[in-house]
Amino acid sequence: METINEIQDEIIEEFSGFDDWMDKYQLLIDLGNEQEPLDEQYKIESNLIDGCQSRVWLQADYEASPDPSRGGVIRFRAESDALIVKGIVALLIRVLSGHTPQEILDADLYFIDAIGLKEHLSPTRSNGLLAMVKQMRMYALAFSAK
């Protein structure tokens, strides 16, 4: 099982192959398109993330870990009606999904700055990104209390 930081390092590596931001946006769009669509039953009001300009649905499920010594892990699934946002949420899911609530709460998401995401997003998209991270941490907090 890869750690959150190992996954972040892989993402940084993938993005460092591109100098041009148009290519990086294309990579984000591709990542978003590769993501499995969210089941219609989860596209509900309570799964919509506040603070996003586009619509983003986030579904979190608490499951038993393949490694029982780790306790339960959270599986995230999401979808957005905006291509770039879909790519961003795909990255967040890749980094955080399948980890324990505590690992998610302790995670320092340095890849966002390292790939230059913050500085190349509009302020509204940047706020949306923060809202997504905050929501994922809220789920982690809720599941860790169980």
C-alpha atoms as a PDB file:
ATOM      1  CA  MET A   1       0.000   0.000   0.000  1.00  0.00           C
ATOM      2  CA  GLU A   2       1.486   3.298  -1.073  1.00  0.00           C
ATOM      3  CA  THR A   3       1.586   6.121   1.436  1.00  0.00           C
ATOM      4  CA  ILE A   4      -0.108   9.446   0.753  1.00  0.00           C
ATOM      5  CA  ASN A   5       3.305  11.059   0.240  1.00  0.00           C
ATOM      6  CA  GLU A   6       4.465   8.392  -2.220  1.00  0.00           C
ATOM      7  CA  ILE A   7       1.365   9.022  -4.318  1.00  0.00           C
ATOM      8  CA  GLN A   8       1.913  12.799  -4.147  1.00  0.00           C
ATOM      9  CA  ASP A   9       5.519  12.329  -5.306  1.00  0.00           C
ATOM     10  CA  GLU A  10       4.299  10.279  -8.295  1.00  0.00           C
ATOM     11  CA  ILE A  11       1.880  13.034  -9.276  1.00  0.00           C
ATOM     12  CA  ILE A  12       4.607  15.685  -8.982  1.00  0.00           C
ATOM     13  CA  GLU A  13       6.797  13.488 -11.195  1.00  0.00           C
ATOM     14  CA  GLU A  14       4.038  13.123 -13.829  1.00  0.00           C
ATOM     15  CA  PHE A  15       3.407  16.867 -13.964  1.00  0.00           C
ATOM     16  CA  SER A  16       7.100  17.780 -14.044  1.00  0.00           C
ATOM     17  CA  GLY A  17       7.268  16.218 -17.514  1.00  0.00           C
ATOM     18  CA  PHE A  18       5.352  19.235 -18.873  1.00  0.00           C
ATOM     19  CA  ASP A  19       6.664  22.791 -19.023  1.00  0.00           C
ATOM     20  CA  ASP A  20       3.622  24.274 -20.663  1.00  0.00           C
ATOM     21  CA  TRP A  21       0.500  24.847 -18.563  1.00  0.00           C
ATOM     22  CA  MET A  22      -1.737  24.020 -21.526  1.00  0.00           C
ATOM     23  CA  ASP A  23      -0.239  20.508 -21.424  1.00  0.00           C
ATOM     24  CA  LYS A  24      -0.808  20.306 -17.678  1.00  0.00           C
ATOM     25  CA  TYR A  25      -4.438  21.345 -18.118  1.00  0.00           C
ATOM     26  CA  GLN A  26      -4.771  18.644 -20.771  1.00  0.00           C
ATOM     27  CA  LEU A  27      -3.354  16.091 -18.321  1.00  0.00           C
ATOM     28  CA  LEU A  28      -5.915  17.228 -15.725  1.00  0.00           C
ATOM     29  CA  ILE A  29      -8.742  16.888 -18.257  1.00  0.00           C
ATOM     30  CA  ASP A  30      -7.519  13.402 -19.242  1.00  0.00           C
ATOM     31  CA  LEU A  31      -7.375  12.361 -15.581  1.00  0.00           C
ATOM     32  CA  GLY A  32     -10.913  13.637 -15.088  1.00  0.00           C
ATOM     33  CA  ASN A  33     -12.151  11.748 -18.121  1.00  0.00           C
ATOM     34  CA  GLU A  34     -10.525   8.495 -16.961  1.00  0.00           C
ATOM     35  CA  GLN A  35     -12.390   8.675 -13.694  1.00  0.00           C
ATOM     36  CA  GLU A  36     -15.338   6.340 -13.327  1.00  0.00           C
ATOM     37  CA  PRO A  37     -18.602   8.295 -13.477  1.00  0.00           C
ATOM     38  CA  LEU A  38     -20.387   8.665 -10.176  1.00  0.00           C
ATOM     39  CA  ASP A  39     -23.514   6.564  -9.796  1.00  0.00           C
ATOM     40  CA  GLU A  40     -26.649   8.704 -10.212  1.00  0.00           C
ATOM     41  CA  GLN A  41     -27.852   7.720  -6.719  1.00  0.00           C
ATOM     42  CA  TYR A  42     -24.961   9.728  -5.226  1.00  0.00           C
ATOM     43  CA  LYS A  43     -25.644  12.877  -7.243  1.00  0.00           C
ATOM     44  CA  ILE A  44     -27.714  14.323  -4.456  1.00  0.00           C
ATOM     45  CA  GLU A  45     -27.864  17.697  -2.746  1.00  0.00           C
ATOM     46  CA  SER A  46     -26.136  16.453   0.424  1.00  0.00           C
ATOM     47  CA  ASN A  47     -23.104  15.306  -1.621  1.00  0.00           C
ATOM     48  CA  LEU A  48     -22.646  18.665  -3.366  1.00  0.00           C
ATOM     49  CA  ILE A  49     -19.635  20.613  -2.142  1.00  0.00           C
ATOM     50  CA  ASP A  50     -20.288  24.155  -1.005  1.00  0.00           C
ATOM     51  CA  GLY A  51     -17.857  26.763  -2.239  1.00  0.00           C
ATOM     52  CA  CYS A  52     -17.315  25.309  -5.691  1.00  0.00           C
ATOM     53  CA  GLN A  53     -18.280  27.383  -8.704  1.00  0.00           C
ATOM     54  CA  SER A  54     -19.022  24.237 -10.692  1.00  0.00           C
ATOM     55  CA  ARG A  55     -21.005  21.358  -9.285  1.00  0.00           C
ATOM     56  CA  VAL A  56     -18.954  18.725  -7.487  1.00  0.00           C
ATOM     57  CA  TRP A  57     -20.476  15.682  -5.845  1.00  0.00           C
ATOM     58  CA  LEU A  58     -18.373  13.798  -3.317  1.00  0.00           C
ATOM     59  CA  GLN A  59     -19.334  10.412  -1.939  1.00  0.00           C
ATOM     60  CA  ALA A  60     -17.353   8.888   0.942  1.00  0.00           C
ATOM     61  CA  ASP A  61     -17.703   5.322   2.212  1.00  0.00           C
ATOM     62  CA  TYR A  62     -16.014   3.758   5.193  1.00  0.00           C
ATOM     63  CA  GLU A  63     -14.764   0.238   4.456  1.00  0.00           C
ATOM     64  CA  ALA A  64     -12.699  -2.449   6.076  1.00  0.00           C
ATOM     65  CA  SER A  65      -9.055  -2.192   5.049  1.00  0.00           C
ATOM     66  CA  PRO A  66      -7.384  -5.073   3.167  1.00  0.00           C
ATOM     67  CA  ASP A  67      -4.894  -4.906   6.046  1.00  0.00           C
ATOM     68  CA  PRO A  68      -6.940  -5.408   9.232  1.00  0.00           C
ATOM     69  CA  SER A  69      -4.219  -3.904  11.439  1.00  0.00           C
ATOM     70  CA  ARG A  70      -4.876  -0.493   9.842  1.00  0.00           C
ATOM     71  CA  GLY A  71      -8.557  -0.325  10.729  1.00  0.00           C
ATOM     72  CA  GLY A  72     -11.089   1.066   8.286  1.00  0.00           C
ATOM     73  CA  VAL A  73     -10.303   3.180   5.234  1.00  0.00           C
ATOM     74  CA  ILE A  74     -12.308   5.790   3.371  1.00  0.00           C
ATOM     75  CA  ARG A  75     -13.166   5.335  -0.305  1.00  0.00           C
ATOM     76  CA  PHE A  76     -13.943   8.561  -2.094  1.00  0.00           C
ATOM     77  CA  ARG A  77     -15.819   8.853  -5.361  1.00  0.00           C
ATOM     78  CA  ALA A  78     -16.713  12.106  -7.032  1.00  0.00           C
ATOM     79  CA  GLU A  79     -17.832  13.824 -10.160  1.00  0.00           C
ATOM     80  CA  SER A  80     -17.984  17.352 -11.472  1.00  0.00           C
ATOM     81  CA  ASP A  81     -19.657  19.001 -14.426  1.00  0.00           C
ATOM     82  CA  ALA A  82     -16.436  20.938 -15.180  1.00  0.00           C
ATOM     83  CA  LEU A  83     -13.538  19.159 -16.913  1.00  0.00           C
ATOM     84  CA  ILE A  84     -10.627  20.757 -15.054  1.00  0.00           C
ATOM     85  CA  VAL A  85     -12.386  20.381 -11.701  1.00  0.00           C
ATOM     86  CA  LYS A  86     -13.046  16.732 -12.493  1.00  0.00           C
ATOM     87  CA  GLY A  87      -9.287  16.315 -13.013  1.00  0.00           C
ATOM     88  CA  ILE A  88      -8.466  18.079  -9.750  1.00  0.00           C
ATOM     89  CA  VAL A  89     -10.898  15.925  -7.792  1.00  0.00           C
ATOM     90  CA  ALA A  90      -9.463  12.824  -9.527  1.00  0.00           C
ATOM     91  CA  LEU A  91      -6.023  13.793  -8.159  1.00  0.00           C
ATOM     92  CA  LEU A  92      -7.390  14.331  -4.644  1.00  0.00           C
ATOM     93  CA  ILE A  93      -9.115  10.944  -4.757  1.00  0.00           C
ATOM     94  CA  ARG A  94      -5.937   9.263  -5.994  1.00  0.00           C
ATOM     95  CA  VAL A  95      -4.015  10.757  -3.068  1.00  0.00           C
ATOM     96  CA  LEU A  96      -6.536  10.305  -0.234  1.00  0.00           C
ATOM     97  CA  SER A  97      -8.878   7.449  -1.132  1.00  0.00           C
ATOM     98  CA  GLY A  98      -8.096   4.091   0.484  1.00  0.00           C
ATOM     99  CA  HIS A  99      -6.411   5.631   3.518  1.00  0.00           C
ATOM    100  CA  THR A 100      -7.486   5.674   7.146  1.00  0.00           C
ATOM    101  CA  PRO A 101      -9.254   8.724   8.583  1.00  0.00           C
ATOM    102  CA  GLN A 102      -6.173   9.518  10.683  1.00  0.00           C
ATOM    103  CA  GLU A 103      -3.826   9.320   7.676  1.00  0.00           C
ATOM    104  CA  ILE A 104      -6.102  11.719   5.803  1.00  0.00           C
ATOM    105  CA  LEU A 105      -6.290  14.133   8.744  1.00  0.00           C
ATOM    106  CA  ASP A 106      -2.491  14.059   9.143  1.00  0.00           C
ATOM    107  CA  ALA A 107      -1.765  14.466   5.412  1.00  0.00           C
ATOM    108  CA  ASP A 108       0.117  17.501   4.203  1.00  0.00           C
ATOM    109  CA  LEU A 109      -1.103  17.947   0.636  1.00  0.00           C
ATOM    110  CA  TYR A 110       2.083  19.482  -0.725  1.00  0.00           C
ATOM    111  CA  PHE A 111       1.531  18.263  -4.283  1.00  0.00           C
ATOM    112  CA  ILE A 112      -1.002  21.059  -4.922  1.00  0.00           C
ATOM    113  CA  ASP A 113       1.694  23.735  -4.614  1.00  0.00           C
ATOM    114  CA  ALA A 114       4.453  21.557  -6.056  1.00  0.00           C
ATOM    115  CA  ILE A 115       2.706  21.107  -9.419  1.00  0.00           C
ATOM    116  CA  GLY A 116       1.750  24.793  -9.500  1.00  0.00           C
ATOM    117  CA  LEU A 117      -1.958  24.130  -9.275  1.00  0.00           C
ATOM    118  CA  LYS A 118      -2.794  26.958  -6.891  1.00  0.00           C
ATOM    119  CA  GLU A 119      -1.088  29.663  -8.922  1.00  0.00           C
ATOM    120  CA  HIS A 120      -2.658  28.506 -12.210  1.00  0.00           C
ATOM    121  CA  LEU A 121      -6.240  28.278 -11.012  1.00  0.00           C
ATOM    122  CA  SER A 122      -8.678  31.158 -10.981  1.00  0.00           C
ATOM    123  CA  PRO A 123      -9.518  32.368  -7.449  1.00  0.00           C
ATOM    124  CA  THR A 124     -12.941  30.696  -7.623  1.00  0.00           C
ATOM    125  CA  ARG A 125     -11.413  27.370  -8.703  1.00  0.00           C
ATOM    126  CA  SER A 126      -8.781  27.705  -6.003  1.00  0.00           C
ATOM    127  CA  ASN A 127     -11.521  28.191  -3.406  1.00  0.00           C
ATOM    128  CA  GLY A 128     -13.287  25.170  -4.840  1.00  0.00           C
ATOM    129  CA  LEU A 129     -10.124  23.103  -4.452  1.00  0.00           C
ATOM    130  CA  LEU A 130      -9.862  24.145  -0.798  1.00  0.00           C
ATOM    131  CA  ALA A 131     -13.541  23.334  -0.309  1.00  0.00           C
ATOM    132  CA  MET A 132     -12.989  19.816  -1.711  1.00  0.00           C
ATOM    133  CA  VAL A 133     -10.005  19.198   0.575  1.00  0.00           C
ATOM    134  CA  LYS A 134     -11.954  20.542   3.554  1.00  0.00           C
ATOM    135  CA  GLN A 135     -14.917  18.266   2.773  1.00  0.00           C
ATOM    136  CA  MET A 136     -12.651  15.199   2.504  1.00  0.00           C
ATOM    137  CA  ARG A 137     -11.115  16.067   5.875  1.00  0.00           C
ATOM    138  CA  MET A 138     -14.598  16.538   7.364  1.00  0.00           C
ATOM    139  CA  TYR A 139     -15.515  13.017   6.267  1.00  0.00           C
ATOM    140  CA  ALA A 140     -12.272  11.725   7.770  1.00  0.00           C
ATOM    141  CA  LEU A 141     -13.076  13.491  11.024  1.00  0.00           C
ATOM    142  CA  ALA A 142     -16.597  12.077  11.084  1.00  0.00           C
ATOM    143  CA  PHE A 143     -15.405   8.518  10.377  1.00  0.00           C
ATOM    144  CA  SER A 144     -12.568   8.747  12.918  1.00  0.00           C
ATOM    145  CA  ALA A 145     -15.129   9.544  15.604  1.00  0.00           C
ATOM    146  CA  LYS A 146     -16.981   6.279  14.937  1.00  0.00           C
END
